[in-house]
Amino acid sequence: MHEFKAAKDILDELKKNPPKKAVISLGKMISSKDVFLEILKEHTKQTPLEKTEIMIEEIPLRAKCSCGFEGIIDIPGHVHFVRCPKCGKIAEVLEGDKVILKECIY
């Protein structure tokens, strides 16, 4: 459900002025690139956005922990929190937890 809300927010922004191409930065914590693109494509069918080329840049999840770990944590897709691979505590997410409409080309 989290992926759908993030996709809806992007689509709402794109609908204001449909571009020829949109570049989206997608944090790995939000969704996998394939799942997010599938949601976007499904919700743009038979709309002015159907012909918009959508490019997605996947941003890895980077986190730090009180134990001293700081780095990329590999996750399978959307999660609500991450554990430190070194000690197992819940880690602070530094990057990879947002979706951003980075660029539109008209």
PDB file of N, CA and C in Angstrom:
ATOM      1  N   MET A   1       0.822  -1.197   0.000  1.00  0.00           N
ATOM      2  CA  MET A   1       0.000   0.000   0.000  1.00  0.00           C
ATOM      3  C   MET A   1       0.861   1.254   0.000  1.00  0.00           C
ATOM      4  N   HIS A   2       2.008   1.192   0.656  1.00  0.00           N
ATOM      5  CA  HIS A   2       2.924   2.324   0.713  1.00  0.00           C
ATOM      6  C   HIS A   2       3.386   2.733  -0.686  1.00  0.00           C
ATOM      7  N   GLU A   3       3.647   1.733  -1.540  1.00  0.00           N
ATOM      8  CA  GLU A   3       4.074   2.005  -2.902  1.00  0.00           C
ATOM      9  C   GLU A   3       2.990   2.775  -3.661  1.00  0.00           C
ATOM     10  N   PHE A   4       1.736   2.382  -3.454  1.00  0.00           N
ATOM     11  CA  PHE A   4       0.635   3.038  -4.159  1.00  0.00           C
ATOM     12  C   PHE A   4       0.527   4.507  -3.775  1.00  0.00           C
ATOM     13  N   LYS A   5       0.662   4.824  -2.498  1.00  0.00           N
ATOM     14  CA  LYS A   5       0.591   6.224  -2.039  1.00  0.00           C
ATOM     15  C   LYS A   5       1.716   7.046  -2.661  1.00  0.00           C
ATOM     16  N   ALA A   6       2.913   6.504  -2.684  1.00  0.00           N
ATOM     17  CA  ALA A   6       4.055   7.210  -3.282  1.00  0.00           C
ATOM     18  C   ALA A   6       3.824   7.416  -4.782  1.00  0.00           C
ATOM     19  N   ALA A   7       3.317   6.392  -5.460  1.00  0.00           N
ATOM     20  CA  ALA A   7       3.041   6.507  -6.896  1.00  0.00           C
ATOM     21  C   ALA A   7       1.934   7.535  -7.149  1.00  0.00           C
ATOM     22  N   LYS A   8       0.906   7.525  -6.321  1.00  0.00           N
ATOM     23  CA  LYS A   8      -0.198   8.482  -6.481  1.00  0.00           C
ATOM     24  C   LYS A   8       0.305   9.914  -6.327  1.00  0.00           C
ATOM     25  N   ASP A   9       1.181  10.160  -5.369  1.00  0.00           N
ATOM     26  CA  ASP A   9       1.733  11.503  -5.180  1.00  0.00           C
ATOM     27  C   ASP A   9       2.497  11.966  -6.417  1.00  0.00           C
ATOM     28  N   ILE A  10       3.290  11.078  -7.003  1.00  0.00           N
ATOM     29  CA  ILE A  10       4.030  11.413  -8.232  1.00  0.00           C
ATOM     30  C   ILE A  10       3.058  11.665  -9.377  1.00  0.00           C
ATOM     31  N   LEU A  11       2.066  10.804  -9.535  1.00  0.00           N
ATOM     32  CA  LEU A  11       1.091  10.972 -10.618  1.00  0.00           C
ATOM     33  C   LEU A  11       0.304  12.271 -10.474  1.00  0.00           C
ATOM     34  N   ASP A  12      -0.068  12.615  -9.253  1.00  0.00           N
ATOM     35  CA  ASP A  12      -0.791  13.869  -9.034  1.00  0.00           C
ATOM     36  C   ASP A  12       0.039  15.067  -9.488  1.00  0.00           C
ATOM     37  N   GLU A  13       1.339  15.011  -9.227  1.00  0.00           N
ATOM     38  CA  GLU A  13       2.234  16.097  -9.647  1.00  0.00           C
ATOM     39  C   GLU A  13       2.374  16.123 -11.172  1.00  0.00           C
ATOM     40  N   LEU A  14       2.519  14.966 -11.791  1.00  0.00           N
ATOM     41  CA  LEU A  14       2.684  14.894 -13.248  1.00  0.00           C
ATOM     42  C   LEU A  14       1.419  15.322 -14.005  1.00  0.00           C
ATOM     43  N   LYS A  15       0.256  15.059 -13.430  1.00  0.00           N
ATOM     44  CA  LYS A  15      -1.011  15.408 -14.080  1.00  0.00           C
ATOM     45  C   LYS A  15      -1.193  16.913 -14.236  1.00  0.00           C
ATOM     46  N   LYS A  16      -0.532  17.696 -13.384  1.00  0.00           N
ATOM     47  CA  LYS A  16      -0.664  19.156 -13.462  1.00  0.00           C
ATOM     48  C   LYS A  16      -0.184  19.697 -14.800  1.00  0.00           C
ATOM     49  N   ASN A  17       0.849  19.094 -15.351  1.00  0.00           N
ATOM     50  CA  ASN A  17       1.406  19.509 -16.635  1.00  0.00           C
ATOM     51  C   ASN A  17       2.156  18.310 -17.218  1.00  0.00           C
ATOM     52  N   PRO A  18       1.447  17.416 -17.919  1.00  0.00           N
ATOM     53  CA  PRO A  18       2.055  16.172 -18.383  1.00  0.00           C
ATOM     54  C   PRO A  18       3.307  16.393 -19.249  1.00  0.00           C
ATOM     55  N   PRO A  19       4.439  15.847 -18.815  1.00  0.00           N
ATOM     56  CA  PRO A  19       5.672  15.998 -19.579  1.00  0.00           C
ATOM     57  C   PRO A  19       5.841  14.885 -20.611  1.00  0.00           C
ATOM     58  N   LYS A  20       6.803  15.072 -21.513  1.00  0.00           N
ATOM     59  CA  LYS A  20       7.159  14.013 -22.461  1.00  0.00           C
ATOM     60  C   LYS A  20       7.968  12.936 -21.746  1.00  0.00           C
ATOM     61  N   LYS A  21       8.782  13.376 -20.783  1.00  0.00           N
ATOM     62  CA  LYS A  21       9.640  12.463 -20.036  1.00  0.00           C
ATOM     63  C   LYS A  21       9.708  12.914 -18.581  1.00  0.00           C
ATOM     64  N   ALA A  22       9.713  11.950 -17.669  1.00  0.00           N
ATOM     65  CA  ALA A  22       9.855  12.243 -16.237  1.00  0.00           C
ATOM     66  C   ALA A  22      10.935  11.341 -15.666  1.00  0.00           C
ATOM     67  N   VAL A  23      11.792  11.930 -14.837  1.00  0.00           N
ATOM     68  CA  VAL A  23      12.836  11.176 -14.146  1.00  0.00           C
ATOM     69  C   VAL A  23      12.491  11.180 -12.658  1.00  0.00           C
ATOM     70  N   ILE A  24      12.423   9.979 -12.090  1.00  0.00           N
ATOM     71  CA  ILE A  24      12.032   9.812 -10.695  1.00  0.00           C
ATOM     72  C   ILE A  24      13.168   9.144  -9.926  1.00  0.00           C
ATOM     73  N   SER A  25      13.519   9.715  -8.773  1.00  0.00           N
ATOM     74  CA  SER A  25      14.470   9.075  -7.859  1.00  0.00           C
ATOM     75  C   SER A  25      13.648   8.268  -6.865  1.00  0.00           C
ATOM     76  N   LEU A  26      13.886   6.977  -6.831  1.00  0.00           N
ATOM     77  CA  LEU A  26      13.092   6.076  -6.007  1.00  0.00           C
ATOM     78  C   LEU A  26      13.967   5.379  -4.981  1.00  0.00           C
ATOM     79  N   GLY A  27      13.723   5.678  -3.718  1.00  0.00           N
ATOM     80  CA  GLY A  27      14.447   5.017  -2.643  1.00  0.00           C
ATOM     81  C   GLY A  27      14.057   3.560  -2.536  1.00  0.00           C
ATOM     82  N   LYS A  28      15.037   2.718  -2.385  1.00  0.00           N
ATOM     83  CA  LYS A  28      14.828   1.268  -2.312  1.00  0.00           C
ATOM     84  C   LYS A  28      13.880   0.892  -1.166  1.00  0.00           C
ATOM     85  N   MET A  29      13.827   1.725  -0.132  1.00  0.00           N
ATOM     86  CA  MET A  29      12.959   1.449   1.008  1.00  0.00           C
ATOM     87  C   MET A  29      11.478   1.638   0.647  1.00  0.00           C
ATOM     88  N   ILE A  30      11.203   2.452  -0.369  1.00  0.00           N
ATOM     89  CA  ILE A  30       9.828   2.710  -0.799  1.00  0.00           C
ATOM     90  C   ILE A  30       9.285   1.543  -1.610  1.00  0.00           C
ATOM     91  N   SER A  31      10.068   1.114  -2.591  1.00  0.00           N
ATOM     92  CA  SER A  31       9.616   0.066  -3.503  1.00  0.00           C
ATOM     93  C   SER A  31      10.774  -0.364  -4.385  1.00  0.00           C
ATOM     94  N   SER A  32      10.601  -1.501  -5.019  1.00  0.00           N
ATOM     95  CA  SER A  32      11.556  -1.879  -6.060  1.00  0.00           C
ATOM     96  C   SER A  32      11.193  -1.104  -7.322  1.00  0.00           C
ATOM     97  N   LYS A  33      12.164  -0.909  -8.169  1.00  0.00           N
ATOM     98  CA  LYS A  33      11.971  -0.171  -9.420  1.00  0.00           C
ATOM     99  C   LYS A  33      10.872  -0.820 -10.271  1.00  0.00           C
ATOM    100  N   ASP A  34      10.906  -2.128 -10.415  1.00  0.00           N
ATOM    101  CA  ASP A  34       9.941  -2.828 -11.266  1.00  0.00           C
ATOM    102  C   ASP A  34       8.510  -2.698 -10.753  1.00  0.00           C
ATOM    103  N   VAL A  35       8.327  -2.864  -9.457  1.00  0.00           N
ATOM    104  CA  VAL A  35       6.988  -2.754  -8.869  1.00  0.00           C
ATOM    105  C   VAL A  35       6.452  -1.336  -9.022  1.00  0.00           C
ATOM    106  N   PHE A  36       7.294  -0.343  -8.746  1.00  0.00           N
ATOM    107  CA  PHE A  36       6.860   1.049  -8.822  1.00  0.00           C
ATOM    108  C   PHE A  36       6.493   1.424 -10.260  1.00  0.00           C
ATOM    109  N   LEU A  37       7.305   0.994 -11.211  1.00  0.00           N
ATOM    110  CA  LEU A  37       7.034   1.282 -12.618  1.00  0.00           C
ATOM    111  C   LEU A  37       5.732   0.617 -13.064  1.00  0.00           C
ATOM    112  N   GLU A  38       5.492  -0.586 -12.601  1.00  0.00           N
ATOM    113  CA  GLU A  38       4.248  -1.296 -12.926  1.00  0.00           C
ATOM    114  C   GLU A  38       3.027  -0.516 -12.404  1.00  0.00           C
ATOM    115  N   ILE A  39       3.114  -0.027 -11.176  1.00  0.00           N
ATOM    116  CA  ILE A  39       2.017   0.753 -10.599  1.00  0.00           C
ATOM    117  C   ILE A  39       1.790   2.021 -11.423  1.00  0.00           C
ATOM    118  N   LEU A  40       2.856   2.730 -11.760  1.00  0.00           N
ATOM    119  CA  LEU A  40       2.721   3.955 -12.545  1.00  0.00           C
ATOM    120  C   LEU A  40       2.099   3.679 -13.910  1.00  0.00           C
ATOM    121  N   LYS A  41       2.590   2.661 -14.591  1.00  0.00           N
ATOM    122  CA  LYS A  41       2.068   2.339 -15.934  1.00  0.00           C
ATOM    123  C   LYS A  41       0.592   1.958 -15.880  1.00  0.00           C
ATOM    124  N   GLU A  42       0.235   1.199 -14.875  1.00  0.00           N
ATOM    125  CA  GLU A  42      -1.161   0.766 -14.752  1.00  0.00           C
ATOM    126  C   GLU A  42      -2.097   1.959 -14.530  1.00  0.00           C
ATOM    127  N   HIS A  43      -1.630   2.948 -13.777  1.00  0.00           N
ATOM    128  CA  HIS A  43      -2.472   4.099 -13.457  1.00  0.00           C
ATOM    129  C   HIS A  43      -2.380   5.238 -14.482  1.00  0.00           C
ATOM    130  N   THR A  44      -1.556   5.080 -15.499  1.00  0.00           N
ATOM    131  CA  THR A  44      -1.490   6.103 -16.553  1.00  0.00           C
ATOM    132  C   THR A  44      -2.198   5.655 -17.830  1.00  0.00           C
ATOM    133  N   LYS A  45      -2.672   4.409 -17.864  1.00  0.00           N
ATOM    134  CA  LYS A  45      -3.382   3.918 -19.049  1.00  0.00           C
ATOM    135  C   LYS A  45      -4.603   4.783 -19.324  1.00  0.00           C
ATOM    136  N   GLN A  46      -4.754   5.145 -20.587  1.00  0.00           N
ATOM    137  CA  GLN A  46      -5.890   5.942 -21.053  1.00  0.00           C
ATOM    138  C   GLN A  46      -5.995   7.289 -20.343  1.00  0.00           C
ATOM    139  N   THR A  47      -4.832   7.862 -20.014  1.00  0.00           N
ATOM    140  CA  THR A  47      -4.775   9.213 -19.444  1.00  0.00           C
ATOM    141  C   THR A  47      -3.774  10.012 -20.267  1.00  0.00           C
ATOM    142  N   PRO A  48      -3.714  11.344 -20.087  1.00  0.00           N
ATOM    143  CA  PRO A  48      -2.712  12.148 -20.793  1.00  0.00           C
ATOM    144  C   PRO A  48      -1.267  11.740 -20.471  1.00  0.00           C
ATOM    145  N   LEU A  49      -1.070  10.990 -19.397  1.00  0.00           N
ATOM    146  CA  LEU A  49       0.278  10.564 -19.008  1.00  0.00           C
ATOM    147  C   LEU A  49       0.706   9.248 -19.663  1.00  0.00           C
ATOM    148  N   GLU A  50      -0.187   8.633 -20.418  1.00  0.00           N
ATOM    149  CA  GLU A  50       0.113   7.327 -21.009  1.00  0.00           C
ATOM    150  C   GLU A  50       1.347   7.359 -21.916  1.00  0.00           C
ATOM    151  N   LYS A  51       1.585   8.469 -22.575  1.00  0.00           N
ATOM    152  CA  LYS A  51       2.727   8.571 -23.491  1.00  0.00           C
ATOM    153  C   LYS A  51       3.977   9.152 -22.834  1.00  0.00           C
ATOM    154  N   THR A  52       3.892   9.500 -21.573  1.00  0.00           N
ATOM    155  CA  THR A  52       5.047  10.030 -20.865  1.00  0.00           C
ATOM    156  C   THR A  52       6.069   8.917 -20.647  1.00  0.00           C
ATOM    157  N   GLU A  53       7.307   9.178 -21.054  1.00  0.00           N
ATOM    158  CA  GLU A  53       8.389   8.223 -20.803  1.00  0.00           C
ATOM    159  C   GLU A  53       8.835   8.404 -19.349  1.00  0.00           C
ATOM    160  N   ILE A  54       8.816   7.329 -18.601  1.00  0.00           N
ATOM    161  CA  ILE A  54       9.174   7.400 -17.183  1.00  0.00           C
ATOM    162  C   ILE A  54      10.487   6.656 -16.957  1.00  0.00           C
ATOM    163  N   MET A  55      11.450   7.382 -16.430  1.00  0.00           N
ATOM    164  CA  MET A  55      12.751   6.808 -16.084  1.00  0.00           C
ATOM    165  C   MET A  55      12.847   6.799 -14.560  1.00  0.00           C
ATOM    166  N   ILE A  56      13.299   5.688 -14.013  1.00  0.00           N
ATOM    167  CA  ILE A  56      13.431   5.586 -12.563  1.00  0.00           C
ATOM    168  C   ILE A  56      14.884   5.313 -12.194  1.00  0.00           C
ATOM    169  N   GLU A  57      15.407   6.179 -11.327  1.00  0.00           N
ATOM    170  CA  GLU A  57      16.744   5.994 -10.765  1.00  0.00           C
ATOM    171  C   GLU A  57      16.556   5.405  -9.369  1.00  0.00           C
ATOM    172  N   GLU A  58      17.043   4.202  -9.170  1.00  0.00           N
ATOM    173  CA  GLU A  58      16.878   3.558  -7.871  1.00  0.00           C
ATOM    174  C   GLU A  58      17.988   4.008  -6.921  1.00  0.00           C
ATOM    175  N   ILE A  59      17.592   4.465  -5.749  1.00  0.00           N
ATOM    176  CA  ILE A  59      18.533   4.942  -4.736  1.00  0.00           C
ATOM    177  C   ILE A  59      18.675   3.850  -3.666  1.00  0.00           C
ATOM    178  N   PRO A  60      19.895   3.352  -3.453  1.00  0.00           N
ATOM    179  CA  PRO A  60      20.074   2.310  -2.437  1.00  0.00           C
ATOM    180  C   PRO A  60      19.806   2.840  -1.033  1.00  0.00           C
ATOM    181  N   LEU A  61      19.524   1.921  -0.134  1.00  0.00           N
ATOM    182  CA  LEU A  61      19.269   2.298   1.250  1.00  0.00           C
ATOM    183  C   LEU A  61      20.608   2.401   1.986  1.00  0.00           C
ATOM    184  N   ARG A  62      20.882   3.591   2.486  1.00  0.00           N
ATOM    185  CA  ARG A  62      22.105   3.833   3.250  1.00  0.00           C
ATOM    186  C   ARG A  62      21.685   4.188   4.670  1.00  0.00           C
ATOM    187  N   ALA A  63      22.332   3.559   5.640  1.00  0.00           N
ATOM    188  CA  ALA A  63      21.945   3.744   7.047  1.00  0.00           C
ATOM    189  C   ALA A  63      23.175   3.771   7.941  1.00  0.00           C
ATOM    190  N   LYS A  64      22.938   4.218   9.192  1.00  0.00           N
ATOM    191  CA  LYS A  64      23.998   4.167  10.194  1.00  0.00           C
ATOM    192  C   LYS A  64      23.397   3.684  11.503  1.00  0.00           C
ATOM    193  N   CYS A  65      24.294   3.160  12.334  1.00  0.00           N
ATOM    194  CA  CYS A  65      23.860   2.582  13.599  1.00  0.00           C
ATOM    195  C   CYS A  65      24.761   3.080  14.724  1.00  0.00           C
ATOM    196  N   SER A  66      24.244   3.016  15.937  1.00  0.00           N
ATOM    197  CA  SER A  66      25.020   3.443  17.111  1.00  0.00           C
ATOM    198  C   SER A  66      26.249   2.564  17.351  1.00  0.00           C
ATOM    199  N   CYS A  67      26.295   1.388  16.754  1.00  0.00           N
ATOM    200  CA  CYS A  67      27.452   0.499  16.919  1.00  0.00           C
ATOM    201  C   CYS A  67      28.640   0.925  16.058  1.00  0.00           C
ATOM    202  N   GLY A  68      28.409   1.934  15.188  1.00  0.00           N
ATOM    203  CA  GLY A  68      29.485   2.418  14.336  1.00  0.00           C
ATOM    204  C   GLY A  68      29.319   2.060  12.870  1.00  0.00           C
ATOM    205  N   PHE A  69      28.399   1.163  12.559  1.00  0.00           N
ATOM    206  CA  PHE A  69      28.168   0.810  11.158  1.00  0.00           C
ATOM    207  C   PHE A  69      27.585   1.997  10.405  1.00  0.00           C
ATOM    208  N   GLU A  70      28.065   2.232   9.199  1.00  0.00           N
ATOM    209  CA  GLU A  70      27.447   3.169   8.273  1.00  0.00           C
ATOM    210  C   GLU A  70      27.701   2.650   6.869  1.00  0.00           C
ATOM    211  N   GLY A  71      26.626   2.467   6.116  1.00  0.00           N
ATOM    212  CA  GLY A  71      26.793   1.972   4.760  1.00  0.00           C
ATOM    213  C   GLY A  71      25.485   1.550   4.124  1.00  0.00           C
ATOM    214  N   ILE A  72      25.627   0.884   2.982  1.00  0.00           N
ATOM    215  CA  ILE A  72      24.486   0.404   2.209  1.00  0.00           C
ATOM    216  C   ILE A  72      23.976  -0.885   2.837  1.00  0.00           C
ATOM    217  N   ILE A  73      22.659  -0.970   2.968  1.00  0.00           N
ATOM    218  CA  ILE A  73      22.023  -2.190   3.449  1.00  0.00           C
ATOM    219  C   ILE A  73      21.157  -2.724   2.325  1.00  0.00           C
ATOM    220  N   ASP A  74      21.420  -3.943   1.915  1.00  0.00           N
ATOM    221  CA  ASP A  74      20.654  -4.567   0.839  1.00  0.00           C
ATOM    222  C   ASP A  74      19.330  -5.064   1.400  1.00  0.00           C
ATOM    223  N   ILE A  75      18.240  -4.613   0.772  1.00  0.00           N
ATOM    224  CA  ILE A  75      16.909  -5.047   1.189  1.00  0.00           C
ATOM    225  C   ILE A  75      16.161  -5.536  -0.043  1.00  0.00           C
ATOM    226  N   PRO A  76      15.193  -6.427   0.129  1.00  0.00           N
ATOM    227  CA  PRO A  76      14.475  -6.974  -1.021  1.00  0.00           C
ATOM    228  C   PRO A  76      13.486  -5.999  -1.659  1.00  0.00           C
ATOM    229  N   GLY A  77      13.052  -4.986  -0.953  1.00  0.00           N
ATOM    230  CA  GLY A  77      12.047  -4.047  -1.455  1.00  0.00           C
ATOM    231  C   GLY A  77      11.518  -3.220  -0.310  1.00  0.00           C
ATOM    232  N   HIS A  78      10.270  -2.822  -0.413  1.00  0.00           N
ATOM    233  CA  HIS A  78       9.643  -1.950   0.578  1.00  0.00           C
ATOM    234  C   HIS A  78       9.701  -2.553   1.980  1.00  0.00           C
ATOM    235  N   VAL A  79      10.217  -1.764   2.916  1.00  0.00           N
ATOM    236  CA  VAL A  79      10.253  -2.135   4.332  1.00  0.00           C
ATOM    237  C   VAL A  79       9.945  -0.888   5.162  1.00  0.00           C
ATOM    238  N   HIS A  80       9.602  -1.074   6.431  1.00  0.00           N
ATOM    239  CA  HIS A  80       9.288   0.057   7.310  1.00  0.00           C
ATOM    240  C   HIS A  80      10.468   0.476   8.182  1.00  0.00           C
ATOM    241  N   PHE A  81      11.407  -0.431   8.372  1.00  0.00           N
ATOM    242  CA  PHE A  81      12.612  -0.127   9.144  1.00  0.00           C
ATOM    243  C   PHE A  81      13.695  -1.099   8.692  1.00  0.00           C
ATOM    244  N   VAL A  82      14.940  -0.800   9.071  1.00  0.00           N
ATOM    245  CA  VAL A  82      16.043  -1.695   8.729  1.00  0.00           C
ATOM    246  C   VAL A  82      16.871  -1.991   9.979  1.00  0.00           C
ATOM    247  N   ARG A  83      17.422  -3.165   9.985  1.00  0.00           N
ATOM    248  CA  ARG A  83      18.299  -3.577  11.084  1.00  0.00           C
ATOM    249  C   ARG A  83      19.742  -3.495  10.614  1.00  0.00           C
ATOM    250  N   CYS A  84      20.593  -3.129  11.525  1.00  0.00           N
ATOM    251  CA  CYS A  84      22.022  -3.058  11.257  1.00  0.00           C
ATOM    252  C   CYS A  84      22.548  -4.455  10.940  1.00  0.00           C
ATOM    253  N   PRO A  85      23.277  -4.594   9.843  1.00  0.00           N
ATOM    254  CA  PRO A  85      23.819  -5.916   9.515  1.00  0.00           C
ATOM    255  C   PRO A  85      24.958  -6.344  10.447  1.00  0.00           C
ATOM    256  N   LYS A  86      25.486  -5.390  11.214  1.00  0.00           N
ATOM    257  CA  LYS A  86      26.606  -5.678  12.115  1.00  0.00           C
ATOM    258  C   LYS A  86      26.121  -6.153  13.491  1.00  0.00           C
ATOM    259  N   CYS A  87      25.132  -5.431  14.065  1.00  0.00           N
ATOM    260  CA  CYS A  87      24.717  -5.758  15.438  1.00  0.00           C
ATOM    261  C   CYS A  87      23.243  -6.144  15.578  1.00  0.00           C
ATOM    262  N   GLY A  88      22.421  -5.867  14.561  1.00  0.00           N
ATOM    263  CA  GLY A  88      21.009  -6.248  14.615  1.00  0.00           C
ATOM    264  C   GLY A  88      20.061  -5.203  15.168  1.00  0.00           C
ATOM    265  N   LYS A  89      20.602  -4.075  15.666  1.00  0.00           N
ATOM    266  CA  LYS A  89      19.731  -3.003  16.160  1.00  0.00           C
ATOM    267  C   LYS A  89      19.048  -2.312  14.975  1.00  0.00           C
ATOM    268  N   ILE A  90      17.963  -1.599  15.265  1.00  0.00           N
ATOM    269  CA  ILE A  90      17.313  -0.809  14.224  1.00  0.00           C
ATOM    270  C   ILE A  90      18.237   0.354  13.888  1.00  0.00           C
ATOM    271  N   ALA A  91      18.507   0.519  12.601  1.00  0.00           N
ATOM    272  CA  ALA A  91      19.450   1.532  12.127  1.00  0.00           C
ATOM    273  C   ALA A  91      18.720   2.791  11.665  1.00  0.00           C
ATOM    274  N   GLU A  92      19.432   3.913  11.695  1.00  0.00           N
ATOM    275  CA  GLU A  92      18.905   5.191  11.219  1.00  0.00           C
ATOM    276  C   GLU A  92      19.104   5.256   9.706  1.00  0.00           C
ATOM    277  N   VAL A  93      18.023   5.509   8.978  1.00  0.00           N
ATOM    278  CA  VAL A  93      18.094   5.600   7.522  1.00  0.00           C
ATOM    279  C   VAL A  93      18.626   6.976   7.130  1.00  0.00           C
ATOM    280  N   LEU A  94      19.662   6.987   6.308  1.00  0.00           N
ATOM    281  CA  LEU A  94      20.263   8.238   5.832  1.00  0.00           C
ATOM    282  C   LEU A  94      19.800   8.581   4.417  1.00  0.00           C
ATOM    283  N   GLU A  95      19.543   7.564   3.617  1.00  0.00           N
ATOM    284  CA  GLU A  95      19.178   7.769   2.214  1.00  0.00           C
ATOM    285  C   GLU A  95      18.462   6.520   1.719  1.00  0.00           C
ATOM    286  N   GLY A  96      17.554   6.726   0.754  1.00  0.00           N
ATOM    287  CA  GLY A  96      16.855   5.596   0.167  1.00  0.00           C
ATOM    288  C   GLY A  96      15.460   5.384   0.695  1.00  0.00           C
ATOM    289  N   ASP A  97      14.908   6.417   1.371  1.00  0.00           N
ATOM    290  CA  ASP A  97      13.578   6.297   1.957  1.00  0.00           C
ATOM    291  C   ASP A  97      12.580   7.307   1.383  1.00  0.00           C
ATOM    292  N   LYS A  98      12.903   7.846   0.203  1.00  0.00           N
ATOM    293  CA  LYS A  98      12.028   8.859  -0.403  1.00  0.00           C
ATOM    294  C   LYS A  98      11.823   8.575  -1.889  1.00  0.00           C
ATOM    295  N   VAL A  99      10.759   9.144  -2.418  1.00  0.00           N
ATOM    296  CA  VAL A  99      10.547   9.151  -3.863  1.00  0.00           C
ATOM    297  C   VAL A  99      10.430  10.616  -4.266  1.00  0.00           C
ATOM    298  N   ILE A 100      11.191  11.003  -5.283  1.00  0.00           N
ATOM    299  CA  ILE A 100      11.256  12.410  -5.681  1.00  0.00           C
ATOM    300  C   ILE A 100      11.110  12.513  -7.188  1.00  0.00           C
ATOM    301  N   LEU A 101      10.253  13.422  -7.617  1.00  0.00           N
ATOM    302  CA  LEU A 101      10.160  13.763  -9.031  1.00  0.00           C
ATOM    303  C   LEU A 101      11.345  14.653  -9.332  1.00  0.00           C
ATOM    304  N   LYS A 102      12.365  14.089  -9.919  1.00  0.00           N
ATOM    305  CA  LYS A 102      13.643  14.762 -10.090  1.00  0.00           C
ATOM    306  C   LYS A 102      13.653  15.726 -11.271  1.00  0.00           C
ATOM    307  N   GLU A 103      13.044  15.317 -12.393  1.00  0.00           N
ATOM    308  CA  GLU A 103      13.110  16.151 -13.595  1.00  0.00           C
ATOM    309  C   GLU A 103      11.949  15.847 -14.526  1.00  0.00           C
ATOM    310  N   CYS A 104      11.452  16.867 -15.191  1.00  0.00           N
ATOM    311  CA  CYS A 104      10.437  16.725 -16.216  1.00  0.00           C
ATOM    312  C   CYS A 104      10.924  17.407 -17.482  1.00  0.00           C
ATOM    313  N   ILE A 105      10.748  16.754 -18.610  1.00  0.00           N
ATOM    314  CA  ILE A 105      11.115  17.319 -19.892  1.00  0.00           C
ATOM    315  C   ILE A 105       9.833  17.472 -20.711  1.00  0.00           C
ATOM    316  N   TYR A 106       9.603  18.701 -21.178  1.00  0.00           N
ATOM    317  CA  TYR A 106       8.358  19.004 -21.896  1.00  0.00           C
ATOM    318  C   TYR A 106       8.566  19.153 -23.382  1.00  0.00           C
TER     319      TYR A 106
END
